[in-house]
N, C-alpha and C. Protein backbone atom coordinates (compact mmCIF):
# COMPACT_ATOMS: atom_id res chain seq x y z
N MET A 1 44.73 -146.98 61.76
CA MET A 1 44.49 -147.00 63.21
C MET A 1 43.36 -146.57 63.45
N LYS A 2 42.44 -147.21 64.66
CA LYS A 2 41.15 -146.61 64.63
C LYS A 2 40.58 -145.57 64.81
N ARG A 3 39.74 -145.42 64.08
CA ARG A 3 39.15 -143.69 64.78
C ARG A 3 39.22 -143.68 66.22
N GLU A 4 38.49 -144.58 66.94
CA GLU A 4 38.20 -144.29 68.18
C GLU A 4 39.86 -144.09 68.84
N GLU A 5 40.81 -144.38 68.49
CA GLU A 5 42.22 -144.15 68.99
C GLU A 5 42.70 -142.93 68.43
N PHE A 6 42.76 -142.72 67.19
CA PHE A 6 42.08 -141.38 66.83
C PHE A 6 42.03 -139.79 67.30
N LEU A 7 40.74 -140.06 67.89
CA LEU A 7 40.28 -139.28 68.58
C LEU A 7 41.12 -139.19 69.99
N LEU A 8 41.21 -140.37 70.49
CA LEU A 8 41.85 -139.96 72.06
C LEU A 8 43.21 -139.64 71.82
N LYS A 9 43.88 -139.84 70.93
CA LYS A 9 45.23 -138.92 70.68
C LYS A 9 44.92 -137.34 70.70
N VAL A 10 43.58 -137.30 69.24
CA VAL A 10 43.50 -135.84 69.55
C VAL A 10 43.14 -134.70 70.69
N GLN A 11 42.15 -134.93 71.16
CA GLN A 11 41.63 -135.54 72.80
C GLN A 11 43.13 -134.97 73.98
N ARG A 12 44.09 -135.83 73.63
CA ARG A 12 44.89 -135.52 74.64
C ARG A 12 46.03 -134.20 74.06
N ILE A 13 45.71 -134.34 72.73
CA ILE A 13 46.79 -133.10 72.01
C ILE A 13 45.71 -131.92 72.38
N CYS A 14 43.99 -131.91 72.61
CA CYS A 14 43.44 -131.02 72.54
C CYS A 14 43.65 -129.92 74.60
N PHE A 15 44.11 -131.57 75.57
CA PHE A 15 44.28 -130.95 76.59
C PHE A 15 45.45 -130.20 76.64
N ASP A 16 46.63 -130.64 76.22
CA ASP A 16 47.76 -129.42 75.82
C ASP A 16 47.42 -128.33 75.26
N ILE A 17 46.79 -128.31 74.52
CA ILE A 17 46.73 -127.05 73.86
C ILE A 17 46.20 -126.20 75.07
N GLU A 18 45.34 -126.57 75.75
CA GLU A 18 44.12 -126.12 76.88
C GLU A 18 45.29 -126.08 78.39
N LYS A 19 46.39 -126.59 78.37
CA LYS A 19 47.05 -126.63 79.61
C LYS A 19 48.29 -125.54 79.20
N LEU A 20 48.62 -125.07 77.88
CA LEU A 20 49.25 -124.47 77.30
C LEU A 20 48.65 -122.83 77.11
N THR A 21 47.53 -123.04 76.78
CA THR A 21 46.84 -122.12 76.99
C THR A 21 46.89 -121.09 78.33
N GLU A 22 46.53 -121.88 79.32
CA GLU A 22 46.57 -121.46 80.87
C GLU A 22 47.97 -120.95 81.02
N GLU A 23 48.64 -121.65 80.89
CA GLU A 23 49.75 -121.19 80.93
C GLU A 23 50.81 -119.62 80.55
N TYR A 24 50.42 -119.34 79.22
CA TYR A 24 50.44 -118.08 78.43
C TYR A 24 49.45 -117.42 79.03
N GLY A 25 48.31 -117.31 79.12
CA GLY A 25 47.11 -116.35 80.21
C GLY A 25 45.60 -116.65 79.29
N ALA A 26 44.88 -117.40 79.45
CA ALA A 26 43.62 -117.46 79.12
C ALA A 26 43.17 -116.03 78.33
N ASP A 27 43.03 -115.10 79.38
CA ASP A 27 42.81 -113.91 78.52
C ASP A 27 43.25 -113.29 77.48
N LYS A 28 44.94 -113.34 77.24
CA LYS A 28 45.51 -113.40 75.88
C LYS A 28 45.24 -114.16 74.66
N VAL A 29 44.31 -115.42 74.83
CA VAL A 29 44.34 -116.64 73.88
C VAL A 29 42.74 -116.75 73.75
N ILE A 30 42.72 -116.74 72.32
CA ILE A 30 41.25 -117.11 71.28
C ILE A 30 41.58 -118.06 70.39
N SER A 31 40.70 -119.00 70.89
CA SER A 31 41.13 -120.35 70.20
C SER A 31 39.52 -120.82 70.03
N LEU A 32 39.89 -122.63 68.77
CA LEU A 32 38.49 -122.94 68.36
C LEU A 32 39.36 -123.84 67.58
N VAL A 33 38.75 -125.06 68.28
CA VAL A 33 39.34 -126.33 67.34
C VAL A 33 38.30 -127.55 67.71
N VAL A 34 38.23 -127.85 66.12
CA VAL A 34 37.12 -128.96 66.26
C VAL A 34 37.72 -129.97 65.17
N LEU A 35 37.71 -131.15 65.31
CA LEU A 35 38.10 -132.37 64.20
C LEU A 35 37.52 -133.28 64.93
N GLY A 36 36.50 -134.27 63.64
CA GLY A 36 36.05 -134.92 63.78
C GLY A 36 36.17 -135.99 62.88
N CYS A 37 35.69 -136.94 62.56
CA CYS A 37 35.59 -137.91 61.43
C CYS A 37 34.11 -138.14 61.18
N ILE A 38 34.21 -138.33 59.97
CA ILE A 38 32.47 -138.33 58.99
C ILE A 38 32.39 -140.07 59.35
N GLU A 39 31.00 -140.43 59.73
CA GLU A 39 30.52 -142.20 59.73
C GLU A 39 29.53 -142.16 58.36
N ASP A 40 30.04 -142.57 57.65
CA ASP A 40 29.00 -142.09 56.34
C ASP A 40 28.09 -143.70 56.10
N HIS A 41 28.27 -144.43 57.33
CA HIS A 41 27.25 -145.96 57.31
C HIS A 41 26.68 -145.61 57.76
N HIS A 42 25.15 -145.56 57.86
CA HIS A 42 24.42 -145.80 58.89
C HIS A 42 22.93 -146.33 57.84
N ASP A 43 22.00 -146.64 58.48
CA ASP A 43 21.03 -146.94 57.70
C ASP A 43 20.05 -146.11 57.68
N ASP A 44 20.03 -144.81 58.33
CA ASP A 44 19.44 -143.69 57.49
C ASP A 44 19.88 -143.00 56.73
N GLY A 45 21.04 -142.86 56.52
CA GLY A 45 22.08 -142.29 54.58
C GLY A 45 22.33 -141.37 55.49
N ILE A 46 22.28 -141.21 56.86
CA ILE A 46 22.45 -139.16 57.50
C ILE A 46 23.68 -139.52 57.59
N PRO A 47 25.07 -138.88 57.02
CA PRO A 47 26.63 -139.03 57.85
C PRO A 47 26.21 -138.17 59.12
N ARG A 48 27.03 -138.88 60.34
CA ARG A 48 27.26 -138.81 61.33
C ARG A 48 28.96 -137.95 61.64
N MET A 49 28.90 -137.33 62.57
CA MET A 49 29.90 -137.36 62.92
C MET A 49 30.68 -137.29 64.44
N SER A 50 31.46 -137.82 64.96
CA SER A 50 32.28 -137.87 65.97
C SER A 50 33.88 -137.07 66.21
N ALA A 51 33.18 -136.22 67.21
CA ALA A 51 34.53 -135.14 67.14
C ALA A 51 34.99 -134.78 68.60
N ILE A 52 35.96 -134.04 68.25
CA ILE A 52 36.54 -133.47 69.61
C ILE A 52 36.65 -131.84 69.56
N TYR A 53 36.19 -131.26 70.14
CA TYR A 53 36.78 -129.90 70.55
C TYR A 53 36.84 -128.94 71.47
N ASN A 54 37.78 -128.03 71.39
CA ASN A 54 37.78 -127.54 72.64
C ASN A 54 38.32 -125.93 72.09
N TYR A 55 37.93 -125.06 73.36
CA TYR A 55 37.33 -123.47 72.40
C TYR A 55 38.15 -122.78 73.57
N ASN A 56 38.43 -121.69 73.33
CA ASN A 56 38.82 -120.33 74.44
C ASN A 56 38.09 -119.33 74.04
N ILE A 57 37.14 -119.25 73.90
CA ILE A 57 36.04 -117.76 73.89
C ILE A 57 35.56 -117.53 74.94
N GLU A 58 36.00 -115.89 75.50
CA GLU A 58 35.01 -115.28 76.12
C GLU A 58 33.54 -114.97 75.79
N ASP A 59 33.34 -114.65 75.09
CA ASP A 59 31.70 -114.02 74.55
C ASP A 59 31.28 -114.65 72.89
N LYS A 60 30.17 -114.05 72.95
CA LYS A 60 29.56 -114.09 71.39
C LYS A 60 30.16 -113.13 70.49
N ARG A 61 30.96 -112.29 71.02
CA ARG A 61 31.87 -111.53 69.98
C ARG A 61 32.87 -112.10 69.74
N GLU A 62 33.88 -112.84 70.19
CA GLU A 62 35.01 -113.14 69.90
C GLU A 62 34.30 -114.86 69.29
N LEU A 63 33.42 -115.06 69.43
CA LEU A 63 32.94 -116.80 68.67
C LEU A 63 32.28 -116.06 67.31
N ASP A 64 31.93 -114.77 67.05
CA ASP A 64 31.49 -114.45 66.04
C ASP A 64 33.05 -113.51 65.18
N CYS A 65 34.23 -113.35 66.05
CA CYS A 65 34.86 -113.03 65.28
C CYS A 65 35.95 -114.19 64.58
N ILE A 66 35.94 -115.34 65.67
CA ILE A 66 36.40 -116.68 64.97
C ILE A 66 35.90 -117.21 63.71
N VAL A 67 34.18 -117.04 63.75
CA VAL A 67 33.37 -117.36 62.41
C VAL A 67 33.73 -116.82 61.62
N ASP A 68 33.52 -115.30 61.28
CA ASP A 68 33.97 -114.58 60.89
C ASP A 68 35.39 -114.82 60.03
N PHE A 69 36.83 -115.27 60.59
CA PHE A 69 37.95 -115.52 60.48
C PHE A 69 37.71 -116.94 59.28
N VAL A 70 37.24 -118.03 59.73
CA VAL A 70 37.01 -118.94 59.40
C VAL A 70 36.17 -118.66 57.64
N ASP A 71 35.27 -118.00 57.98
CA ASP A 71 34.34 -117.38 56.95
C ASP A 71 35.36 -116.99 55.71
N ALA A 72 35.46 -115.94 55.83
CA ALA A 72 36.95 -115.29 54.89
C ALA A 72 38.37 -115.67 54.36
N THR A 73 38.89 -116.93 55.59
CA THR A 73 39.90 -117.67 54.97
C THR A 73 39.55 -118.89 54.15
N TRP A 74 38.02 -119.32 54.18
CA TRP A 74 37.88 -120.17 53.44
C TRP A 74 37.11 -119.89 52.15
N GLU A 75 36.34 -118.70 52.07
CA GLU A 75 36.57 -117.92 50.52
C GLU A 75 37.53 -117.42 50.38
N THR A 76 38.14 -118.57 49.80
CA THR A 76 39.50 -117.72 49.34
C THR A 76 39.60 -117.44 47.89
N HIS A 77 40.37 -116.51 46.92
CA HIS A 77 40.56 -116.13 45.54
C HIS A 77 41.85 -115.80 45.20
N ASP A 78 42.89 -117.03 45.15
CA ASP A 78 44.41 -116.44 44.87
C ASP A 78 45.00 -116.58 46.48
N ASN A 79 44.17 -117.01 47.30
CA ASN A 79 44.70 -116.76 48.49
C ASN A 79 44.29 -115.66 49.78
N LYS A 80 43.61 -115.18 49.01
CA LYS A 80 43.24 -113.98 49.61
C LYS A 80 41.63 -113.44 49.22
N PRO A 81 40.68 -113.42 50.06
CA PRO A 81 39.37 -113.54 49.93
C PRO A 81 38.96 -111.87 49.78
N ASP A 82 37.94 -111.67 48.99
CA ASP A 82 37.31 -110.75 48.52
C ASP A 82 37.51 -110.11 49.96
N SER A 83 37.89 -108.29 49.96
CA SER A 83 37.16 -107.58 50.71
C SER A 83 38.06 -107.67 52.14
N TYR A 84 38.71 -108.81 51.75
CA TYR A 84 39.70 -109.56 53.22
C TYR A 84 41.21 -108.60 52.93
N ASP A 85 40.88 -108.03 54.34
CA ASP A 85 42.92 -107.26 54.12
C ASP A 85 43.94 -107.76 55.17
N GLY A 86 43.38 -108.77 55.31
CA GLY A 86 44.51 -109.11 56.65
C GLY A 86 43.88 -109.39 57.80
N LEU A 87 44.68 -110.01 58.49
CA LEU A 87 44.01 -110.77 60.32
C LEU A 87 44.03 -109.20 60.39
N ASP A 88 44.30 -108.25 60.59
CA ASP A 88 44.31 -106.59 61.27
C ASP A 88 43.01 -106.08 60.90
N ASP A 89 42.42 -106.67 59.43
CA ASP A 89 40.97 -106.20 58.90
C ASP A 89 39.76 -107.08 60.01
N LEU A 90 40.27 -108.48 60.10
CA LEU A 90 39.38 -108.84 60.38
C LEU A 90 39.16 -108.83 62.33
N LEU A 91 40.12 -108.23 63.06
CA LEU A 91 40.09 -107.83 64.19
C LEU A 91 39.70 -106.58 64.63
N ASP A 92 39.75 -105.96 63.37
CA ASP A 92 39.24 -104.30 63.68
C ASP A 92 38.11 -103.70 64.51
N GLY A 93 38.20 -103.18 65.84
CA GLY A 93 37.58 -102.86 66.56
C GLY A 93 37.09 -104.17 67.49
N LEU A 94 37.82 -104.60 67.51
CA LEU A 94 37.88 -105.68 68.95
C LEU A 94 38.64 -105.05 70.21
N GLY A 95 39.49 -104.70 69.72
CA GLY A 95 40.63 -104.08 70.67
C GLY A 95 41.45 -104.99 70.59
N ILE A 96 42.05 -105.74 69.72
CA ILE A 96 43.25 -106.90 70.08
C ILE A 96 43.95 -106.44 69.03
N ASP A 97 45.64 -105.90 69.33
CA ASP A 97 46.52 -105.68 68.50
C ASP A 97 46.94 -107.05 68.15
N LEU A 98 47.93 -107.27 66.49
CA LEU A 98 48.88 -108.43 66.63
C LEU A 98 50.29 -107.63 66.84
N GLU A 99 51.27 -108.33 67.30
CA GLU A 99 52.33 -107.91 68.18
C GLU A 99 53.44 -108.27 67.42
């Protein structure tokens, strides 16, 4: 499969996610999707990325929440990051309840 074909299919999936988000209620959803392909065959030696992205983030606070979540889940030890007590811990103070 060509890179362009792959990214086009990912873009269609992102459109489906947007549609689903709107149907569910965008005010109830926080999301960030980034998917890219690294191209490392350039004359300057600097890798480049072709990417598709989609997000439903209301403000900087929600962006920080997602970035903190990604950071906390990336830095794992035995599948549980230090000082991370679950999603409730990450959402503490944001007024978001998990059902």
